Amino acid sequence: MGSADWTFEAARRFAALGMVAVSVDYRLSQGIITPIEAVDDTRAAFRWVRLHATEFHIDPERVAGYGVSAGGQLVAVAAMVDAPDNGIDGTSSKPDLLLLWSPAVFAPKHLFQGRGNASDHSPMQHAGAATPPTCIINGDKDTVTPIQDAQDFRERVVRAGGVCELHVYPGVGHLLTRNVANQLSDFDPDPEFRADGYAQFERFLKERGYIPAK
């Protein structure tokens, strides 16, 4: 479930920092649609951004991927798994940096309907040297995308010599909700933790030259 407008608030935050922010729709898993099509859409979005880099004054070598929950899984797969369209006409479909909020680092097998291999679309299976600099936000009571998964993902990246920060917030669940009894709807994100999470993203981006100097 979901739509691009769910990320409009985050996009406005990034735009206010001087970045170009693009909210992306992707096909949802229903009927014959699986995460295979969703990651194809995600890759197409990164290619589109680079193809229009001159028009929108974008540095094609500094394209970050921001993903929430399932969106985190998609941008991470796009970053780490090669695809036939990557590099066509010199246009990459891979983000250069990842900002992940309560990310799914495993692909749910049941959504693939027997098509393909879920492990091919699981960030955890590919975490390592090919992972771009990554910053993760997660609640320690998250039952949808458990903190242990995020910790294991970070450990794999760091062990391979990569950069992966994990910021853990106590007592909150998925998307930093204070409503830990219901983590699939009726979200009540902790405002202080939420603000700090965005502050961590801003610092991470600044340290890597993604936010223009004022």
Foldseek 3Di string as FASTA:
>chain_A
DDAQVVCVVVQVVVVVLVFHGDGFGFDDLDDQDFVVRRLVRLLVVLLVCLVCCVVVVHDNLAFEQEAAAAGQLSLLLLQFADDPCACVVHGGSHHQEYEYELYQQFGDPVSNVPPDDRLNSGSQNRQAPSGHAYEYEFECLAPRSHPVNVVSSCVRHVVRVHHYHYDYDYCAYGSQFNPSVDNPDPGHHDVVSVVVSVVVVVVVCVVVVNRDDD
